[in-house]
Protein backbone atom coordinates (compact mmCIF):
# COMPACT_ATOMS: atom_id res chain seq x y z
CA MET A 1 0.00 0.00 0.00
CA PHE A 2 2.68 2.48 1.02
CA LYS A 3 5.76 2.64 -1.15
CA SER A 4 7.82 4.85 1.13
CA THR A 5 8.01 6.64 4.44
CA LEU A 6 6.99 9.80 2.61
CA ASP A 7 3.77 8.09 1.44
CA LYS A 8 2.98 7.13 5.04
CA PHE A 9 3.73 10.66 6.18
CA ARG A 10 1.49 12.21 3.52
CA THR A 11 -1.37 9.87 4.47
CA ILE A 12 -1.04 10.67 8.17
CA ALA A 13 -0.78 14.39 7.33
CA PHE A 14 -4.07 14.16 5.43
CA LEU A 15 -5.80 12.31 8.27
CA GLU A 16 -4.37 14.69 10.88
CA GLY A 17 -5.66 17.63 8.85
CA CYS A 18 -9.10 16.04 8.62
CA SER A 19 -9.21 15.43 12.38
CA PHE A 20 -8.24 19.07 12.98
CA ILE A 21 -11.08 20.24 10.74
CA LEU A 22 -13.53 17.97 12.61
CA PHE A 23 -12.85 20.04 15.71
CA GLY A 24 -14.73 22.80 13.94
CA ILE A 25 -17.80 20.57 14.17
CA THR A 26 -17.29 18.90 17.52
CA MET A 27 -16.33 21.98 19.55
CA PRO A 28 -19.71 23.69 19.03
CA LEU A 29 -21.40 20.37 19.81
CA LYS A 30 -19.52 20.20 23.09
CA TYR A 31 -19.96 23.79 24.25
CA LYS A 32 -23.23 24.88 22.64
CA LEU A 33 -25.25 21.66 22.68
CA ASP A 34 -23.66 19.95 25.70
CA MET A 35 -22.56 16.90 23.65
CA PRO A 36 -18.98 16.19 24.77
CA LYS A 37 -18.63 12.63 23.42
CA PRO A 38 -17.93 13.49 19.75
CA ASN A 39 -15.25 15.96 20.82
CA TYR A 40 -13.69 13.32 23.07
CA PHE A 41 -13.34 10.82 20.23
CA VAL A 42 -12.16 13.37 17.68
CA GLY A 43 -9.70 14.74 20.24
CA MET A 44 -8.30 11.29 20.96
CA ALA A 45 -7.93 10.51 17.26
CA HIS A 46 -6.36 13.90 16.60
CA GLY A 47 -3.85 13.42 19.41
CA ILE A 48 -2.76 10.02 18.14
CA LEU A 49 -2.55 11.29 14.56
CA PHE A 50 -0.53 14.34 15.64
CA ILE A 51 1.99 12.14 17.45
CA ALA A 52 2.23 9.90 14.38
CA TYR A 53 2.66 13.02 12.21
CA VAL A 54 5.57 14.29 14.29
CA VAL A 55 7.27 10.86 14.45
CA LEU A 56 6.92 10.38 10.70
CA LEU A 57 8.07 13.95 10.08
CA VAL A 58 11.29 13.21 11.95
CA LEU A 59 11.78 10.00 9.96
CA VAL A 60 11.14 11.77 6.65
CA VAL A 61 13.49 14.64 7.55
CA LEU A 62 16.27 12.18 8.36
CA GLN A 63 15.65 9.83 5.43
CA TYR A 64 15.20 12.49 2.74
CA LYS A 65 17.62 14.99 4.31
CA TRP A 66 15.12 17.82 4.28
CA PRO A 67 16.55 21.24 5.14
CA LEU A 68 15.75 22.61 8.58
CA LYS A 69 13.49 25.31 7.11
CA LYS A 70 11.34 22.73 5.29
CA ALA A 71 11.15 20.55 8.42
CA PHE A 72 10.12 23.54 10.56
CA LEU A 73 7.45 24.58 8.04
CA ALA A 74 6.12 21.02 7.92
CA PHE A 75 5.82 21.08 11.72
CA LEU A 76 4.30 24.56 11.77
CA VAL A 77 1.54 23.79 9.26
CA SER A 78 0.17 21.09 11.55
CA PHE A 79 -1.09 23.89 13.84
CA ILE A 80 -3.01 25.69 11.08
CA PRO A 81 -6.41 24.49 9.84
CA PHE A 82 -6.03 23.22 6.26
CA GLY A 83 -2.25 23.63 6.70
CA THR A 84 -1.36 20.02 6.03
CA PHE A 85 -3.45 20.05 2.85
CA TYR A 86 -1.57 23.09 1.56
CA ALA A 87 1.78 21.64 2.61
CA ASP A 88 1.02 18.40 0.78
CA LYS A 89 0.81 20.37 -2.46
CA LYS A 90 3.83 22.62 -1.78
CA LEU A 91 6.22 20.76 0.57
CA PHE A 92 5.63 17.04 0.75
CA ARG A 93 5.95 16.09 -2.92
CA GLU A 94 9.36 14.98 -4.08
């Protein structure tokens, strides 16, 4: 399924980005409609995916010898909604 570490990283980046976007749905459910369960599950998934993103980022940086600036940008975009989607188009393709 995955040909390389970069393929794994790009897949996790996509899923991590999706889980971040889901917070836009689950946060209002939690605080406006008093439904905390969806936010709990999305939060747990997002946390696991973020850890996997960072671990795979380190592996990709070492394996592909990415410059420090590219590595820092790849880390930074994980904190911006839709950031990983943009980075996939601009940074993660080799």
